[in-house]
């Protein structure tokens, strides 16, 4: 008969119990991942629906456009599929580009001030509140700097992010 070290039986019971807890916990995690917390797949749309979304967003656009600028008839071309609301997003980004254009190319201090105000409120627009995250306040900071005379961030955004806007504005 083999003799066991005192306390060995207790350690084995604790070890078996802990192992069972781990197995049960892993089971709950796997069950939760596979059924209870399935991610909802976004709705995907094609070019026709994208055009419709854009047109509806433009027709009902809640923010003012600069007085001398209007929305292009069509959004940037879409090849393939995109998430629903991309047509609306296109309208909001064109709106932001129009105000950046106004800020960068106006000689009127009143127009420049209004443009900076409009740029600064991008993150609080109805679309952005649902679909866009700006936790660092990039748009507001860009507008504040522009109000103080530093338009470098507006210029960088306009040059890098407003390619379609510039093409549509120039008739390309």
N, C-alpha and C. Protein backbone atom coordinates (compact mmCIF):
# COMPACT_ATOMS: atom_id res chain seq x y z
N UNK A 1 0.84 -1.16 0.00
CA UNK A 1 0.00 0.00 0.00
C UNK A 1 0.89 1.23 0.00
N UNK A 2 0.62 2.15 -0.96
CA UNK A 2 1.43 3.35 -1.03
C UNK A 2 0.89 4.39 -0.10
N UNK A 3 1.82 5.06 0.48
CA UNK A 3 1.43 6.13 1.39
C UNK A 3 1.47 7.45 0.64
N UNK A 4 0.47 8.26 0.89
CA UNK A 4 0.39 9.56 0.25
C UNK A 4 0.80 10.63 1.22
N UNK A 5 1.30 11.66 0.65
CA UNK A 5 1.69 12.81 1.45
C UNK A 5 0.44 13.45 2.04
N UNK A 6 0.50 13.85 3.29
CA UNK A 6 -0.68 14.48 3.87
C UNK A 6 -1.06 15.74 3.07
N UNK A 7 -2.32 15.92 2.81
CA UNK A 7 -2.81 17.08 2.08
C UNK A 7 -2.91 16.84 0.58
N UNK A 8 -2.36 15.72 0.10
CA UNK A 8 -2.40 15.43 -1.34
C UNK A 8 -3.83 15.24 -1.81
N UNK A 9 -4.60 14.50 -1.04
CA UNK A 9 -5.98 14.25 -1.44
C UNK A 9 -6.77 15.56 -1.52
N UNK A 10 -6.55 16.42 -0.58
CA UNK A 10 -7.25 17.72 -0.60
C UNK A 10 -6.84 18.54 -1.81
N UNK A 11 -5.53 18.58 -2.13
CA UNK A 11 -5.06 19.33 -3.30
C UNK A 11 -5.66 18.77 -4.58
N UNK A 12 -5.74 17.41 -4.65
CA UNK A 12 -6.33 16.80 -5.84
C UNK A 12 -7.80 17.20 -5.99
N UNK A 13 -8.55 17.25 -4.90
CA UNK A 13 -9.96 17.65 -4.95
C UNK A 13 -10.09 19.11 -5.39
N UNK A 14 -9.25 19.96 -4.84
CA UNK A 14 -9.27 21.38 -5.22
C UNK A 14 -8.91 21.51 -6.70
N UNK A 15 -7.91 20.77 -7.13
CA UNK A 15 -7.50 20.82 -8.53
C UNK A 15 -8.62 20.35 -9.46
N UNK A 16 -9.29 19.24 -9.11
CA UNK A 16 -10.41 18.74 -9.92
C UNK A 16 -11.54 19.77 -9.97
N UNK A 17 -11.83 20.37 -8.83
CA UNK A 17 -12.90 21.38 -8.75
C UNK A 17 -12.55 22.59 -9.62
N UNK A 18 -11.32 23.06 -9.52
CA UNK A 18 -10.90 24.21 -10.31
C UNK A 18 -10.94 23.89 -11.81
N UNK A 19 -10.53 22.69 -12.17
CA UNK A 19 -10.57 22.27 -13.57
C UNK A 19 -12.01 22.27 -14.08
N UNK A 20 -12.92 21.75 -13.26
CA UNK A 20 -14.33 21.75 -13.64
C UNK A 20 -14.86 23.17 -13.83
N UNK A 21 -14.47 24.07 -12.95
CA UNK A 21 -14.90 25.46 -13.08
C UNK A 21 -14.40 26.07 -14.37
N UNK A 22 -13.15 25.80 -14.71
CA UNK A 22 -12.59 26.34 -15.93
C UNK A 22 -13.34 25.78 -17.14
N UNK A 23 -13.61 24.49 -17.15
CA UNK A 23 -14.33 23.87 -18.27
C UNK A 23 -15.72 24.48 -18.40
N UNK A 24 -16.41 24.66 -17.28
CA UNK A 24 -17.75 25.26 -17.32
C UNK A 24 -17.68 26.70 -17.80
N UNK A 25 -16.71 27.47 -17.31
CA UNK A 25 -16.57 28.87 -17.73
C UNK A 25 -16.28 28.97 -19.22
N UNK A 26 -15.39 28.13 -19.73
CA UNK A 26 -15.09 28.13 -21.16
C UNK A 26 -16.34 27.77 -21.96
N UNK A 27 -17.11 26.83 -21.46
CA UNK A 27 -18.37 26.45 -22.12
C UNK A 27 -19.32 27.62 -22.21
N UNK A 28 -19.45 28.38 -21.11
CA UNK A 28 -20.33 29.56 -21.13
C UNK A 28 -19.82 30.61 -22.11
N UNK A 29 -18.54 30.83 -22.13
CA UNK A 29 -17.97 31.82 -23.05
C UNK A 29 -18.23 31.40 -24.49
N UNK A 30 -17.96 30.14 -24.81
CA UNK A 30 -18.18 29.67 -26.17
C UNK A 30 -19.65 29.71 -26.55
N UNK A 31 -20.52 29.34 -25.64
CA UNK A 31 -21.95 29.39 -25.92
C UNK A 31 -22.39 30.83 -26.14
N UNK A 32 -21.86 31.74 -25.34
CA UNK A 32 -22.22 33.16 -25.49
C UNK A 32 -21.74 33.71 -26.81
N UNK A 33 -20.56 33.33 -27.23
CA UNK A 33 -20.02 33.84 -28.49
C UNK A 33 -20.76 33.27 -29.68
N UNK A 34 -21.21 32.03 -29.55
CA UNK A 34 -21.79 31.41 -30.73
C UNK A 34 -23.26 31.73 -30.92
N UNK A 35 -23.99 32.09 -29.86
CA UNK A 35 -25.41 32.33 -30.08
C UNK A 35 -25.91 33.63 -29.50
N UNK A 36 -25.64 33.89 -28.26
CA UNK A 36 -26.24 35.04 -27.58
C UNK A 36 -25.71 36.37 -28.10
N UNK A 37 -24.47 36.42 -28.51
CA UNK A 37 -23.89 37.69 -28.90
C UNK A 37 -23.43 37.69 -30.35
N UNK A 38 -24.24 37.13 -31.23
CA UNK A 38 -23.88 37.15 -32.63
C UNK A 38 -23.91 38.59 -33.12
N UNK A 39 -22.93 38.92 -33.91
CA UNK A 39 -22.87 40.27 -34.44
C UNK A 39 -23.84 40.40 -35.59
N UNK A 40 -24.52 41.54 -35.63
CA UNK A 40 -25.44 41.82 -36.71
C UNK A 40 -24.62 42.26 -37.92
N UNK A 41 -24.85 41.63 -39.03
CA UNK A 41 -24.15 41.99 -40.25
C UNK A 41 -24.78 43.26 -40.82
N UNK A 42 -23.97 44.21 -41.24
CA UNK A 42 -24.53 45.44 -41.80
C UNK A 42 -25.23 45.16 -43.13
N UNK A 43 -26.23 45.97 -43.42
CA UNK A 43 -26.91 45.86 -44.71
C UNK A 43 -25.96 46.39 -45.78
N UNK A 44 -25.83 45.64 -46.85
CA UNK A 44 -24.98 46.06 -47.96
C UNK A 44 -25.87 46.53 -49.11
N UNK A 45 -25.41 47.59 -49.77
CA UNK A 45 -26.18 48.15 -50.88
C UNK A 45 -25.29 48.26 -52.11
N UNK A 46 -25.93 48.26 -53.26
CA UNK A 46 -25.23 48.41 -54.53
C UNK A 46 -25.32 49.84 -55.03
N UNK A 47 -24.79 50.10 -56.22
CA UNK A 47 -24.74 51.46 -56.76
C UNK A 47 -26.10 52.16 -56.88
N UNK A 48 -27.16 51.44 -57.28
CA UNK A 48 -28.48 52.08 -57.43
C UNK A 48 -29.02 52.56 -56.10
N UNK A 49 -28.96 51.72 -55.09
CA UNK A 49 -29.44 52.10 -53.76
C UNK A 49 -28.57 53.22 -53.18
N UNK A 50 -27.29 53.16 -53.43
CA UNK A 50 -26.35 54.19 -53.00
C UNK A 50 -26.74 55.54 -53.60
N UNK A 51 -27.04 55.57 -54.88
CA UNK A 51 -27.48 56.79 -55.55
C UNK A 51 -28.78 57.30 -54.92
N UNK A 52 -29.71 56.39 -54.64
CA UNK A 52 -30.98 56.77 -54.02
C UNK A 52 -30.77 57.37 -52.63
N UNK A 53 -29.91 56.74 -51.85
CA UNK A 53 -29.60 57.26 -50.51
C UNK A 53 -29.03 58.67 -50.61
N UNK A 54 -28.11 58.85 -51.52
CA UNK A 54 -27.48 60.16 -51.70
C UNK A 54 -28.52 61.20 -52.09
N UNK A 55 -29.34 60.88 -53.08
CA UNK A 55 -30.35 61.83 -53.54
C UNK A 55 -31.33 62.19 -52.43
N UNK A 56 -31.74 61.20 -51.64
CA UNK A 56 -32.65 61.47 -50.53
C UNK A 56 -31.97 62.34 -49.47
N UNK A 57 -30.72 62.06 -49.18
CA UNK A 57 -29.98 62.86 -48.20
C UNK A 57 -29.84 64.30 -48.67
N UNK A 58 -29.54 64.50 -49.94
CA UNK A 58 -29.39 65.85 -50.50
C UNK A 58 -30.73 66.58 -50.46
N UNK A 59 -31.80 65.89 -50.84
CA UNK A 59 -33.12 66.52 -50.88
C UNK A 59 -33.59 66.96 -49.49
N UNK A 60 -33.17 66.24 -48.47
CA UNK A 60 -33.62 66.53 -47.10
C UNK A 60 -32.48 67.01 -46.21
N UNK A 61 -31.45 67.56 -46.81
CA UNK A 61 -30.25 67.90 -46.04
C UNK A 61 -30.56 68.98 -45.00
N UNK A 62 -30.27 68.70 -43.73
CA UNK A 62 -30.66 69.63 -42.67
C UNK A 62 -29.70 70.79 -42.42
N UNK A 63 -28.53 70.75 -43.00
CA UNK A 63 -27.52 71.79 -42.76
C UNK A 63 -27.44 72.73 -43.96
N UNK A 64 -27.08 73.98 -43.74
CA UNK A 64 -26.97 74.92 -44.87
C UNK A 64 -25.70 74.66 -45.68
N UNK A 65 -25.82 74.84 -46.98
CA UNK A 65 -24.65 74.81 -47.87
C UNK A 65 -24.18 76.25 -48.05
N UNK A 66 -22.92 76.44 -48.42
CA UNK A 66 -22.47 77.80 -48.77
C UNK A 66 -23.34 78.33 -49.91
N UNK A 67 -23.57 79.61 -49.92
CA UNK A 67 -24.52 80.19 -50.87
C UNK A 67 -24.16 79.97 -52.34
N UNK A 68 -22.91 79.84 -52.65
CA UNK A 68 -22.50 79.71 -54.05
C UNK A 68 -22.17 78.28 -54.47
N UNK A 69 -22.50 77.30 -53.62
CA UNK A 69 -22.14 75.91 -53.90
C UNK A 69 -23.38 75.03 -53.73
N UNK A 70 -23.55 74.08 -54.65
CA UNK A 70 -24.63 73.11 -54.53
C UNK A 70 -24.06 71.70 -54.60
N UNK A 71 -24.87 70.76 -54.19
CA UNK A 71 -24.43 69.36 -54.23
C UNK A 71 -24.30 68.89 -55.67
N UNK A 72 -23.32 68.04 -55.96
CA UNK A 72 -23.27 67.40 -57.28
C UNK A 72 -24.51 66.52 -57.47
N UNK A 73 -24.91 66.28 -58.71
CA UNK A 73 -26.08 65.45 -58.98
C UNK A 73 -25.88 64.01 -58.53
N UNK A 74 -24.65 63.55 -58.54
CA UNK A 74 -24.36 62.17 -58.17
C UNK A 74 -23.24 62.13 -57.14
N UNK A 75 -23.24 61.08 -56.32
CA UNK A 75 -22.12 60.91 -55.39
C UNK A 75 -20.91 60.34 -56.12
N UNK A 76 -19.82 60.19 -55.40
CA UNK A 76 -18.63 59.55 -55.98
C UNK A 76 -19.02 58.16 -56.45
N UNK A 77 -18.44 57.69 -57.54
CA UNK A 77 -18.81 56.36 -58.06
C UNK A 77 -18.58 55.26 -57.03
N UNK A 78 -19.49 54.30 -57.02
CA UNK A 78 -19.39 53.15 -56.13
C UNK A 78 -19.20 51.91 -56.99
N UNK A 79 -18.14 51.20 -56.72
CA UNK A 79 -17.89 49.94 -57.41
C UNK A 79 -18.11 48.82 -56.41
N UNK A 80 -19.04 47.94 -56.70
CA UNK A 80 -19.32 46.84 -55.79
C UNK A 80 -20.38 47.22 -54.77
N UNK A 81 -20.20 46.75 -53.54
CA UNK A 81 -21.17 46.96 -52.47
C UNK A 81 -20.58 47.85 -51.38
N UNK A 82 -21.47 48.49 -50.63
CA UNK A 82 -21.06 49.32 -49.49
C UNK A 82 -22.13 49.18 -48.41
N UNK A 83 -21.79 49.57 -47.20
CA UNK A 83 -22.77 49.54 -46.12
C UNK A 83 -23.85 50.58 -46.37
N UNK A 84 -25.05 50.24 -45.94
CA UNK A 84 -26.15 51.20 -46.01
C UNK A 84 -25.74 52.46 -45.25
N UNK A 85 -26.20 53.58 -45.68
CA UNK A 85 -25.93 54.93 -45.15
C UNK A 85 -24.70 55.57 -45.79
N UNK A 86 -24.02 54.86 -46.69
CA UNK A 86 -22.85 55.44 -47.34
C UNK A 86 -23.27 56.57 -48.29
N UNK A 87 -24.43 56.45 -48.91
CA UNK A 87 -24.92 57.54 -49.76
C UNK A 87 -25.16 58.80 -48.94
N UNK A 88 -25.73 58.63 -47.77
CA UNK A 88 -25.93 59.76 -46.86
C UNK A 88 -24.59 60.31 -46.39
N UNK A 89 -23.66 59.43 -46.09
CA UNK A 89 -22.32 59.85 -45.66
C UNK A 89 -21.67 60.71 -46.74
N UNK A 90 -21.83 60.31 -47.99
CA UNK A 90 -21.25 61.07 -49.09
C UNK A 90 -21.78 62.51 -49.10
N UNK A 91 -23.07 62.67 -48.85
CA UNK A 91 -23.66 64.02 -48.80
C UNK A 91 -23.03 64.84 -47.68
N UNK A 92 -22.84 64.24 -46.53
CA UNK A 92 -22.26 64.98 -45.40
C UNK A 92 -20.81 65.35 -45.65
N UNK A 93 -20.06 64.46 -46.28
CA UNK A 93 -18.67 64.80 -46.55
C UNK A 93 -18.56 65.84 -47.66
N UNK A 94 -19.45 65.80 -48.63
CA UNK A 94 -19.47 66.86 -49.64
C UNK A 94 -19.81 68.19 -48.98
N UNK A 95 -20.76 68.18 -48.08
CA UNK A 95 -21.12 69.39 -47.32
C UNK A 95 -19.88 69.95 -46.60
N UNK A 96 -19.15 69.06 -45.91
CA UNK A 96 -17.95 69.50 -45.18
C UNK A 96 -16.90 70.05 -46.16
N UNK A 97 -16.74 69.40 -47.30
CA UNK A 97 -15.78 69.87 -48.31
C UNK A 97 -16.19 71.24 -48.84
N UNK A 98 -17.49 71.45 -49.03
CA UNK A 98 -17.96 72.75 -49.53
C UNK A 98 -17.60 73.86 -48.55
N UNK A 99 -17.75 73.60 -47.26
CA UNK A 99 -17.40 74.62 -46.27
C UNK A 99 -15.89 74.80 -46.17
N UNK A 100 -15.13 73.72 -46.33
CA UNK A 100 -13.67 73.86 -46.35
C UNK A 100 -13.24 74.69 -47.55
N UNK A 101 -13.86 74.43 -48.69
CA UNK A 101 -13.57 75.20 -49.91
C UNK A 101 -13.85 76.68 -49.66
N UNK A 102 -14.98 76.97 -49.05
CA UNK A 102 -15.35 78.36 -48.76
C UNK A 102 -14.32 79.01 -47.83
N UNK A 103 -13.94 78.29 -46.80
CA UNK A 103 -12.97 78.84 -45.84
C UNK A 103 -11.64 79.13 -46.52
N UNK A 104 -11.20 78.22 -47.36
CA UNK A 104 -9.89 78.36 -47.98
C UNK A 104 -9.85 79.37 -49.12
N UNK A 105 -10.97 79.62 -49.76
CA UNK A 105 -10.96 80.43 -50.97
C UNK A 105 -11.78 81.71 -50.88
N UNK A 106 -12.21 82.06 -49.70
CA UNK A 106 -13.01 83.28 -49.55
C UNK A 106 -12.14 84.45 -49.11
N UNK A 107 -12.53 85.63 -49.56
CA UNK A 107 -11.88 86.86 -49.11
C UNK A 107 -12.77 87.59 -48.10
N UNK A 108 -13.91 87.00 -47.79
CA UNK A 108 -14.89 87.61 -46.91
C UNK A 108 -14.75 87.05 -45.49
N UNK A 109 -14.34 87.87 -44.52
CA UNK A 109 -14.16 87.38 -43.15
C UNK A 109 -15.44 86.81 -42.55
N UNK A 110 -16.59 87.35 -42.92
CA UNK A 110 -17.87 86.82 -42.39
C UNK A 110 -18.11 85.41 -42.94
N UNK A 111 -17.86 85.23 -44.23
CA UNK A 111 -18.02 83.90 -44.84
C UNK A 111 -17.02 82.90 -44.26
N UNK A 112 -15.81 83.35 -44.02
CA UNK A 112 -14.79 82.48 -43.42
C UNK A 112 -15.20 82.05 -42.02
N UNK A 113 -15.74 82.99 -41.24
CA UNK A 113 -16.17 82.67 -39.88
C UNK A 113 -17.31 81.65 -39.91
N UNK A 114 -18.30 81.87 -40.79
CA UNK A 114 -19.41 80.93 -40.90
C UNK A 114 -18.91 79.56 -41.35
N UNK A 115 -17.96 79.54 -42.29
CA UNK A 115 -17.40 78.27 -42.76
C UNK A 115 -16.72 77.52 -41.61
N UNK A 116 -15.95 78.22 -40.80
CA UNK A 116 -15.29 77.57 -39.66
C UNK A 116 -16.34 77.01 -38.69
N UNK A 117 -17.41 77.75 -38.45
CA UNK A 117 -18.48 77.27 -37.57
C UNK A 117 -19.10 75.99 -38.12
N UNK A 118 -19.37 75.98 -39.42
CA UNK A 118 -20.00 74.80 -40.02
C UNK A 118 -19.05 73.60 -39.97
N UNK A 119 -17.80 73.81 -40.27
CA UNK A 119 -16.81 72.72 -40.20
C UNK A 119 -16.75 72.16 -38.78
N UNK A 120 -16.77 73.04 -37.80
CA UNK A 120 -16.68 72.63 -36.40
C UNK A 120 -17.85 71.81 -35.91
N UNK A 121 -18.98 71.90 -36.59
CA UNK A 121 -20.13 71.13 -36.13
C UNK A 121 -20.34 69.82 -36.87
N UNK A 122 -19.39 69.44 -37.72
CA UNK A 122 -19.52 68.17 -38.46
C UNK A 122 -19.83 67.00 -37.53
N UNK A 123 -19.07 66.86 -36.45
CA UNK A 123 -19.24 65.71 -35.56
C UNK A 123 -20.57 65.69 -34.83
N UNK A 124 -21.25 66.82 -34.79
CA UNK A 124 -22.55 66.85 -34.10
C UNK A 124 -23.73 66.85 -35.08
N UNK A 125 -23.47 66.62 -36.35
CA UNK A 125 -24.58 66.51 -37.30
C UNK A 125 -25.35 65.23 -37.04
N UNK A 126 -26.56 65.17 -37.52
CA UNK A 126 -27.40 63.99 -37.26
C UNK A 126 -26.77 62.72 -37.81
N UNK A 127 -26.14 62.79 -38.97
CA UNK A 127 -25.50 61.59 -39.52
C UNK A 127 -24.29 61.18 -38.68
N UNK A 128 -23.44 62.15 -38.35
CA UNK A 128 -22.21 61.83 -37.61
C UNK A 128 -22.51 61.26 -36.22
N UNK A 129 -23.55 61.74 -35.58
CA UNK A 129 -23.88 61.22 -34.25
C UNK A 129 -24.24 59.73 -34.30
N UNK A 130 -24.75 59.27 -35.42
CA UNK A 130 -25.11 57.85 -35.56
C UNK A 130 -23.99 57.00 -36.15
N UNK A 131 -23.15 57.58 -36.99
CA UNK A 131 -22.23 56.76 -37.78
C UNK A 131 -20.76 57.14 -37.70
N UNK A 132 -20.42 58.18 -37.01
CA UNK A 132 -19.03 58.69 -37.05
C UNK A 132 -18.57 58.96 -35.63
N UNK A 133 -17.37 58.53 -35.32
CA UNK A 133 -16.81 58.79 -34.00
C UNK A 133 -15.64 59.76 -34.10
N UNK A 134 -15.70 60.78 -33.28
CA UNK A 134 -14.63 61.78 -33.24
C UNK A 134 -14.34 62.10 -31.78
N UNK A 135 -13.85 61.11 -31.02
CA UNK A 135 -13.65 61.31 -29.58
C UNK A 135 -12.62 62.39 -29.25
N UNK A 136 -11.71 62.67 -30.17
CA UNK A 136 -10.69 63.68 -29.91
C UNK A 136 -11.11 65.06 -30.41
N UNK A 137 -12.29 65.16 -31.00
CA UNK A 137 -12.78 66.45 -31.46
C UNK A 137 -11.97 67.05 -32.59
N UNK A 138 -11.55 66.22 -33.53
CA UNK A 138 -10.70 66.67 -34.63
C UNK A 138 -11.36 67.79 -35.43
N UNK A 139 -12.64 67.63 -35.75
CA UNK A 139 -13.32 68.65 -36.56
C UNK A 139 -13.43 69.98 -35.81
N UNK A 140 -13.76 69.89 -34.54
CA UNK A 140 -13.90 71.12 -33.75
C UNK A 140 -12.54 71.82 -33.61
N UNK A 141 -11.49 71.04 -33.35
CA UNK A 141 -10.15 71.62 -33.22
C UNK A 141 -9.68 72.24 -34.54
N UNK A 142 -9.98 71.57 -35.65
CA UNK A 142 -9.61 72.10 -36.96
C UNK A 142 -10.28 73.46 -37.17
N UNK A 143 -11.55 73.54 -36.81
CA UNK A 143 -12.30 74.79 -36.97
C UNK A 143 -11.76 75.89 -36.05
N UNK A 144 -11.43 75.52 -34.81
CA UNK A 144 -10.90 76.51 -33.87
C UNK A 144 -9.58 77.08 -34.37
N UNK A 145 -8.70 76.21 -34.88
CA UNK A 145 -7.42 76.69 -35.41
C UNK A 145 -7.64 77.60 -36.61
N UNK A 146 -8.60 77.25 -37.46
CA UNK A 146 -8.88 78.08 -38.63
C UNK A 146 -9.39 79.45 -38.21
N UNK A 147 -10.20 79.49 -37.17
CA UNK A 147 -10.71 80.77 -36.66
C UNK A 147 -9.56 81.66 -36.20
N UNK A 148 -8.49 81.02 -35.71
CA UNK A 148 -7.32 81.77 -35.24
C UNK A 148 -6.31 82.05 -36.37
N UNK A 149 -6.65 81.64 -37.59
CA UNK A 149 -5.79 81.94 -38.72
C UNK A 149 -4.95 80.78 -39.24
N UNK A 150 -4.97 79.64 -38.54
CA UNK A 150 -4.19 78.49 -38.97
C UNK A 150 -5.10 77.54 -39.77
N UNK A 151 -5.02 77.62 -41.08
CA UNK A 151 -5.87 76.80 -41.93
C UNK A 151 -5.14 75.54 -42.45
N UNK A 152 -4.00 75.22 -41.88
CA UNK A 152 -3.20 74.10 -42.38
C UNK A 152 -3.96 72.77 -42.30
N UNK A 153 -4.69 72.54 -41.22
CA UNK A 153 -5.43 71.28 -41.09
C UNK A 153 -6.62 71.24 -42.04
N UNK A 154 -7.27 72.37 -42.24
CA UNK A 154 -8.36 72.44 -43.20
C UNK A 154 -7.79 72.17 -44.60
N UNK A 155 -6.67 72.76 -44.92
CA UNK A 155 -6.02 72.55 -46.22
C UNK A 155 -5.68 71.08 -46.41
N UNK A 156 -5.10 70.46 -45.40
CA UNK A 156 -4.73 69.04 -45.50
C UNK A 156 -5.96 68.17 -45.70
N UNK A 157 -7.02 68.45 -44.97
CA UNK A 157 -8.25 67.69 -45.11
C UNK A 157 -8.85 67.90 -46.50
N UNK A 158 -8.91 69.14 -46.94
CA UNK A 158 -9.47 69.46 -48.25
C UNK A 158 -8.67 68.79 -49.37
N UNK A 159 -7.36 68.87 -49.28
CA UNK A 159 -6.51 68.29 -50.33
C UNK A 159 -6.58 66.76 -50.33
N UNK A 160 -6.68 66.17 -49.17
CA UNK A 160 -6.66 64.71 -49.08
C UNK A 160 -8.01 64.03 -49.14
N UNK A 161 -9.04 64.68 -48.60
CA UNK A 161 -10.34 64.02 -48.45
C UNK A 161 -11.41 64.52 -49.41
N UNK A 162 -11.17 65.56 -50.12
CA UNK A 162 -12.21 66.18 -50.95
C UNK A 162 -11.93 66.04 -52.44
N UNK A 163 -11.30 64.97 -52.84
CA UNK A 163 -10.94 64.78 -54.24
C UNK A 163 -12.19 64.74 -55.11
N UNK A 164 -13.18 63.93 -54.75
CA UNK A 164 -14.39 63.85 -55.56
C UNK A 164 -15.11 65.19 -55.59
N UNK A 165 -15.18 65.85 -54.46
CA UNK A 165 -15.83 67.17 -54.41
C UNK A 165 -15.17 68.12 -55.42
N UNK A 166 -13.84 68.16 -55.41
CA UNK A 166 -13.12 69.07 -56.31
C UNK A 166 -13.35 68.68 -57.77
N UNK A 167 -13.34 67.37 -58.05
CA UNK A 167 -13.60 66.92 -59.43
C UNK A 167 -15.00 67.31 -59.87
N UNK A 168 -15.99 67.09 -59.02
CA UNK A 168 -17.38 67.42 -59.37
C UNK A 168 -17.55 68.93 -59.53
N UNK A 169 -16.89 69.69 -58.67
CA UNK A 169 -17.00 71.16 -58.71
C UNK A 169 -16.36 71.70 -60.00
N UNK A 170 -15.31 71.03 -60.47
CA UNK A 170 -14.62 71.48 -61.69
C UNK A 170 -15.20 70.84 -62.95
N UNK A 171 -16.27 70.04 -62.78
CA UNK A 171 -16.92 69.42 -63.94
C UNK A 171 -16.23 68.21 -64.50
N UNK A 172 -15.35 67.58 -63.74
CA UNK A 172 -14.64 66.39 -64.24
C UNK A 172 -15.41 65.13 -63.92
